[in-house]
Amino acid sequence: MEQLIDFINIYANYITIVNLALFVIAFISFFIVINSLNKTKKQYQILLKGMENKNLEEIILNNSYKIKNLEEYLDDNNNKLVLIDEKLSQCLKKVSLERYNAFQGIGGEQSFSVAMLDDNGNGIILSSIHGRDDARTYAKTVINGKSTYNLSEEEKRVLSNALNKNS
């Protein structure tokens, strides 16, 4: 035991310095932990803001339920968009119009031909021919970009123009 006391007396200054260094390291570590704890507390308060005394587990379960509902809603909307795209391809959206004078001596370009097609080139061509005493209207079907009826030059142009339009 005497040897231990002699050892402590001889190295007392060194032991004091080591203890002081350990105390300073512990003190600095304490402030680092307190600072980190304050940051975590602030983040936790932000997370719980407006949650009326709910615990974290309730919040996570509630958010999980909301996310599941949103995923179902998105899937439903994606399915609806697919149906809309399919139906939209069948809409008459490629349109071309040409006005012209069908007969010499009659001005004003009162006659017209209009082609209305879907994405597949299916649709109709409407033509209205105005003369001095009457007007006649014709409807001709178009399937896959071709008509089974004879087409006038004006009708051929509006069909070609409509087919070349990008939808």
C-alpha atoms as a PDB file:
ATOM      1  CA  MET A   1       0.000   0.000   0.000  1.00  0.00           C
ATOM      2  CA  GLU A   2       2.916   2.305   0.746  1.00  0.00           C
ATOM      3  CA  GLN A   3       4.220   1.776  -2.740  1.00  0.00           C
ATOM      4  CA  LEU A   4       0.899   2.961  -4.149  1.00  0.00           C
ATOM      5  CA  ILE A   5       0.989   6.096  -2.044  1.00  0.00           C
ATOM      6  CA  ASP A   6       4.587   6.746  -3.057  1.00  0.00           C
ATOM      7  CA  PHE A   7       3.604   6.247  -6.717  1.00  0.00           C
ATOM      8  CA  ILE A   8       0.731   8.714  -6.364  1.00  0.00           C
ATOM      9  CA  ASN A   9       2.950  11.257  -4.632  1.00  0.00           C
ATOM     10  CA  ILE A  10       5.622  10.985  -7.310  1.00  0.00           C
ATOM     11  CA  TYR A  11       3.220  11.256 -10.222  1.00  0.00           C
ATOM     12  CA  ALA A  12       0.576  13.476  -8.600  1.00  0.00           C
ATOM     13  CA  ASN A  13       1.131  16.299 -11.069  1.00  0.00           C
ATOM     14  CA  TYR A  14       0.741  13.965 -14.031  1.00  0.00           C
ATOM     15  CA  ILE A  15      -2.318  12.321 -12.519  1.00  0.00           C
ATOM     16  CA  THR A  16      -3.875  15.759 -11.947  1.00  0.00           C
ATOM     17  CA  ILE A  17      -3.169  16.796 -15.551  1.00  0.00           C
ATOM     18  CA  VAL A  18      -4.681  13.570 -16.898  1.00  0.00           C
ATOM     19  CA  ASN A  19      -7.746  14.003 -14.663  1.00  0.00           C
ATOM     20  CA  LEU A  20      -8.110  17.617 -15.789  1.00  0.00           C
ATOM     21  CA  ALA A  21      -7.806  16.587 -19.466  1.00  0.00           C
ATOM     22  CA  LEU A  22     -10.432  13.873 -18.968  1.00  0.00           C
ATOM     23  CA  PHE A  23     -12.698  16.393 -17.242  1.00  0.00           C
ATOM     24  CA  VAL A  24     -12.351  18.873 -20.140  1.00  0.00           C
ATOM     25  CA  ILE A  25     -13.075  16.112 -22.688  1.00  0.00           C
ATOM     26  CA  ALA A  26     -16.115  14.999 -20.664  1.00  0.00           C
ATOM     27  CA  PHE A  27     -17.313  18.609 -20.356  1.00  0.00           C
ATOM     28  CA  ILE A  28     -16.997  19.208 -24.130  1.00  0.00           C
ATOM     29  CA  SER A  29     -18.716  15.883 -24.843  1.00  0.00           C
ATOM     30  CA  PHE A  30     -21.534  16.900 -22.496  1.00  0.00           C
ATOM     31  CA  PHE A  31     -22.176  20.114 -24.474  1.00  0.00           C
ATOM     32  CA  ILE A  32     -22.029  18.250 -27.797  1.00  0.00           C
ATOM     33  CA  VAL A  33     -24.631  15.756 -26.521  1.00  0.00           C
ATOM     34  CA  ILE A  34     -26.844  18.588 -25.173  1.00  0.00           C
ATOM     35  CA  ASN A  35     -26.615  20.411 -28.531  1.00  0.00           C
ATOM     36  CA  SER A  36     -27.484  17.232 -30.443  1.00  0.00           C
ATOM     37  CA  LEU A  37     -30.381  16.559 -28.080  1.00  0.00           C
ATOM     38  CA  ASN A  38     -31.743  20.071 -28.645  1.00  0.00           C
ATOM     39  CA  LYS A  39     -31.585  19.615 -32.423  1.00  0.00           C
ATOM     40  CA  THR A  40     -33.384  16.285 -32.155  1.00  0.00           C
ATOM     41  CA  LYS A  41     -36.001  17.847 -29.858  1.00  0.00           C
ATOM     42  CA  LYS A  42     -36.636  20.655 -32.387  1.00  0.00           C
ATOM     43  CA  GLN A  43     -37.006  18.138 -35.225  1.00  0.00           C
ATOM     44  CA  TYR A  44     -39.393  16.059 -33.108  1.00  0.00           C
ATOM     45  CA  GLN A  45     -41.469  19.158 -32.318  1.00  0.00           C
ATOM     46  CA  ILE A  46     -41.623  20.030 -36.024  1.00  0.00           C
ATOM     47  CA  LEU A  47     -42.711  16.462 -36.778  1.00  0.00           C
ATOM     48  CA  LEU A  48     -45.454  16.600 -34.145  1.00  0.00           C
ATOM     49  CA  LYS A  49     -46.611  20.133 -34.962  1.00  0.00           C
ATOM     50  CA  GLY A  50     -50.406  20.238 -35.160  1.00  0.00           C
ATOM     51  CA  MET A  51     -50.886  16.640 -34.037  1.00  0.00           C
ATOM     52  CA  GLU A  52     -52.846  17.400 -30.805  1.00  0.00           C
ATOM     53  CA  ASN A  53     -50.981  15.222 -28.324  1.00  0.00           C
ATOM     54  CA  LYS A  54     -50.715  12.179 -30.591  1.00  0.00           C
ATOM     55  CA  ASN A  55     -47.730   9.965 -30.150  1.00  0.00           C
ATOM     56  CA  LEU A  56     -45.291   9.172 -32.905  1.00  0.00           C
ATOM     57  CA  GLU A  57     -46.745   5.700 -33.505  1.00  0.00           C
ATOM     58  CA  GLU A  58     -50.232   7.128 -34.161  1.00  0.00           C
ATOM     59  CA  ILE A  59     -48.790   9.684 -36.554  1.00  0.00           C
ATOM     60  CA  ILE A  60     -46.852   7.048 -38.505  1.00  0.00           C
ATOM     61  CA  LEU A  61     -49.878   4.743 -38.714  1.00  0.00           C
ATOM     62  CA  ASN A  62     -52.087   7.636 -39.825  1.00  0.00           C
ATOM     63  CA  ASN A  63     -49.590   8.681 -42.504  1.00  0.00           C
ATOM     64  CA  SER A  64     -49.240   5.068 -43.651  1.00  0.00           C
ATOM     65  CA  TYR A  65     -53.021   4.856 -44.074  1.00  0.00           C
ATOM     66  CA  LYS A  66     -53.066   8.136 -46.028  1.00  0.00           C
ATOM     67  CA  ILE A  67     -50.237   6.943 -48.301  1.00  0.00           C
ATOM     68  CA  LYS A  68     -52.091   3.687 -48.997  1.00  0.00           C
ATOM     69  CA  ASN A  69     -55.230   5.638 -49.929  1.00  0.00           C
ATOM     70  CA  LEU A  70     -53.227   7.954 -52.191  1.00  0.00           C
ATOM     71  CA  GLU A  71     -51.600   4.992 -53.946  1.00  0.00           C
ATOM     72  CA  GLU A  72     -55.060   3.473 -54.594  1.00  0.00           C
ATOM     73  CA  TYR A  73     -56.272   6.855 -55.853  1.00  0.00           C
ATOM     74  CA  LEU A  74     -53.283   7.148 -58.206  1.00  0.00           C
ATOM     75  CA  ASP A  75     -53.807   3.623 -59.537  1.00  0.00           C
ATOM     76  CA  ASP A  76     -57.476   4.403 -60.155  1.00  0.00           C
ATOM     77  CA  ASN A  77     -56.563   7.637 -61.965  1.00  0.00           C
ATOM     78  CA  ASN A  78     -53.936   5.848 -64.073  1.00  0.00           C
ATOM     79  CA  ASN A  79     -56.556   3.293 -65.143  1.00  0.00           C
ATOM     80  CA  LYS A  80     -58.941   6.112 -66.035  1.00  0.00           C
ATOM     81  CA  LEU A  81     -56.212   7.823 -68.075  1.00  0.00           C
ATOM     82  CA  VAL A  82     -55.629   4.629 -70.060  1.00  0.00           C
ATOM     83  CA  LEU A  83     -59.357   4.467 -70.872  1.00  0.00           C
ATOM     84  CA  ILE A  84     -59.406   8.139 -71.823  1.00  0.00           C
ATOM     85  CA  ASP A  85     -56.408   7.649 -74.141  1.00  0.00           C
ATOM     86  CA  GLU A  86     -58.145   4.706 -75.805  1.00  0.00           C
ATOM     87  CA  LYS A  87     -61.356   6.696 -76.302  1.00  0.00           C
ATOM     88  CA  LEU A  88     -59.481   9.795 -77.409  1.00  0.00           C
ATOM     89  CA  SER A  89     -57.869   7.886 -80.278  1.00  0.00           C
ATOM     90  CA  GLN A  90     -61.392   7.283 -81.625  1.00  0.00           C
ATOM     91  CA  CYS A  91     -62.412  10.960 -81.496  1.00  0.00           C
ATOM     92  CA  LEU A  92     -62.612  12.985 -84.674  1.00  0.00           C
ATOM     93  CA  LYS A  93     -59.684  15.316 -84.146  1.00  0.00           C
ATOM     94  CA  LYS A  94     -57.886  15.485 -87.492  1.00  0.00           C
ATOM     95  CA  VAL A  95     -59.880  18.149 -89.292  1.00  0.00           C
ATOM     96  CA  SER A  96     -59.281  19.883 -92.607  1.00  0.00           C
ATOM     97  CA  LEU A  97     -61.556  22.414 -94.316  1.00  0.00           C
ATOM     98  CA  GLU A  98     -61.461  23.882 -97.807  1.00  0.00           C
ATOM     99  CA  ARG A  99     -63.831  26.512 -99.163  1.00  0.00           C
ATOM    100  CA  TYR A 100     -64.186  26.953-102.910  1.00  0.00           C
ATOM    101  CA  ASN A 101     -66.375  28.057-105.793  1.00  0.00           C
ATOM    102  CA  ALA A 102     -68.030  24.943-107.187  1.00  0.00           C
ATOM    103  CA  PHE A 103     -69.338  26.652-110.338  1.00  0.00           C
ATOM    104  CA  GLN A 104     -67.952  29.420-112.491  1.00  0.00           C
ATOM    105  CA  GLY A 105     -69.748  32.692-112.163  1.00  0.00           C
ATOM    106  CA  ILE A 106     -70.730  32.059-108.556  1.00  0.00           C
ATOM    107  CA  GLY A 107     -68.348  33.794-106.130  1.00  0.00           C
ATOM    108  CA  GLY A 108     -67.973  33.980-102.395  1.00  0.00           C
ATOM    109  CA  GLU A 109     -66.557  30.482-101.965  1.00  0.00           C
ATOM    110  CA  GLN A 110     -69.845  29.249-100.487  1.00  0.00           C
ATOM    111  CA  SER A 111     -69.098  25.596-101.261  1.00  0.00           C
ATOM    112  CA  PHE A 112     -66.915  23.634 -98.866  1.00  0.00           C
ATOM    113  CA  SER A 113     -65.489  20.214 -98.059  1.00  0.00           C
ATOM    114  CA  VAL A 114     -64.432  19.191 -94.567  1.00  0.00           C
ATOM    115  CA  ALA A 115     -62.724  15.959 -93.518  1.00  0.00           C
ATOM    116  CA  MET A 116     -62.956  14.824 -89.876  1.00  0.00           C
ATOM    117  CA  LEU A 117     -60.874  11.780 -88.912  1.00  0.00           C
ATOM    118  CA  ASP A 118     -59.705   9.918 -85.817  1.00  0.00           C
ATOM    119  CA  ASP A 119     -56.152   8.663 -85.191  1.00  0.00           C
ATOM    120  CA  ASN A 120     -56.799   5.561 -87.315  1.00  0.00           C
ATOM    121  CA  GLY A 121     -57.927   7.554 -90.358  1.00  0.00           C
ATOM    122  CA  ASN A 122     -61.604   6.711 -89.831  1.00  0.00           C
ATOM    123  CA  GLY A 123     -64.281   9.390 -90.123  1.00  0.00           C
ATOM    124  CA  ILE A 124     -66.285  11.362 -92.649  1.00  0.00           C
ATOM    125  CA  ILE A 125     -65.994  13.925 -95.391  1.00  0.00           C
ATOM    126  CA  LEU A 126     -68.822  16.450 -95.605  1.00  0.00           C
ATOM    127  CA  SER A 127     -69.209  18.506 -98.762  1.00  0.00           C
ATOM    128  CA  SER A 128     -71.708  21.218 -99.481  1.00  0.00           C
ATOM    129  CA  ILE A 129     -72.063  22.412-103.071  1.00  0.00           C
ATOM    130  CA  HIS A 130     -73.785  25.775-103.509  1.00  0.00           C
ATOM    131  CA  GLY A 131     -75.261  26.765-106.824  1.00  0.00           C
ATOM    132  CA  ARG A 132     -77.432  29.697-107.904  1.00  0.00           C
ATOM    133  CA  ASP A 133     -80.717  28.029-107.083  1.00  0.00           C
ATOM    134  CA  ASP A 134     -79.847  25.262-104.608  1.00  0.00           C
ATOM    135  CA  ALA A 135     -77.320  23.737-102.274  1.00  0.00           C
ATOM    136  CA  ARG A 136     -76.533  20.058-101.882  1.00  0.00           C
ATOM    137  CA  THR A 137     -74.738  18.356 -99.008  1.00  0.00           C
ATOM    138  CA  TYR A 138     -72.892  15.038 -99.248  1.00  0.00           C
ATOM    139  CA  ALA A 139     -71.445  12.821 -96.538  1.00  0.00           C
ATOM    140  CA  LYS A 140     -68.839  10.202 -97.407  1.00  0.00           C
ATOM    141  CA  THR A 141     -67.372   7.707 -94.980  1.00  0.00           C
ATOM    142  CA  VAL A 142     -63.629   7.212 -94.626  1.00  0.00           C
ATOM    143  CA  ILE A 143     -62.147   3.963 -93.300  1.00  0.00           C
ATOM    144  CA  ASN A 144     -58.399   3.643 -92.755  1.00  0.00           C
ATOM    145  CA  GLY A 145     -57.785   6.810 -94.763  1.00  0.00           C
ATOM    146  CA  LYS A 146     -59.766   5.690 -97.835  1.00  0.00           C
ATOM    147  CA  SER A 147     -63.314   6.285 -98.991  1.00  0.00           C
ATOM    148  CA  THR A 148     -65.445   3.789-100.869  1.00  0.00           C
ATOM    149  CA  TYR A 149     -67.042   6.736-102.688  1.00  0.00           C
ATOM    150  CA  ASN A 150     -65.552   8.718-105.551  1.00  0.00           C
ATOM    151  CA  LEU A 151     -63.968  11.889-104.221  1.00  0.00           C
ATOM    152  CA  SER A 152     -63.721  15.276-105.904  1.00  0.00           C
ATOM    153  CA  GLU A 153     -60.347  17.027-106.081  1.00  0.00           C
ATOM    154  CA  GLU A 154     -61.314  19.248-103.127  1.00  0.00           C
ATOM    155  CA  GLU A 155     -62.359  16.208-101.082  1.00  0.00           C
ATOM    156  CA  LYS A 156     -59.092  14.442-101.899  1.00  0.00           C
ATOM    157  CA  ARG A 157     -57.134  17.505-100.704  1.00  0.00           C
ATOM    158  CA  VAL A 158     -59.000  17.820 -97.383  1.00  0.00           C
ATOM    159  CA  LEU A 159     -58.635  14.056 -96.806  1.00  0.00           C
ATOM    160  CA  SER A 160     -54.907  14.224 -97.496  1.00  0.00           C
ATOM    161  CA  ASN A 161     -54.488  17.302 -95.264  1.00  0.00           C
ATOM    162  CA  ALA A 162     -56.430  15.675 -92.406  1.00  0.00           C
ATOM    163  CA  LEU A 163     -54.432  12.453 -92.657  1.00  0.00           C
ATOM    164  CA  ASN A 164     -51.156  14.387 -92.488  1.00  0.00           C
ATOM    165  CA  LYS A 165     -52.104  16.252 -89.288  1.00  0.00           C
ATOM    166  CA  ASN A 166     -50.517  15.120 -86.048  1.00  0.00           C
ATOM    167  CA  SER A 167     -52.969  14.634 -83.220  1.00  0.00           C
END
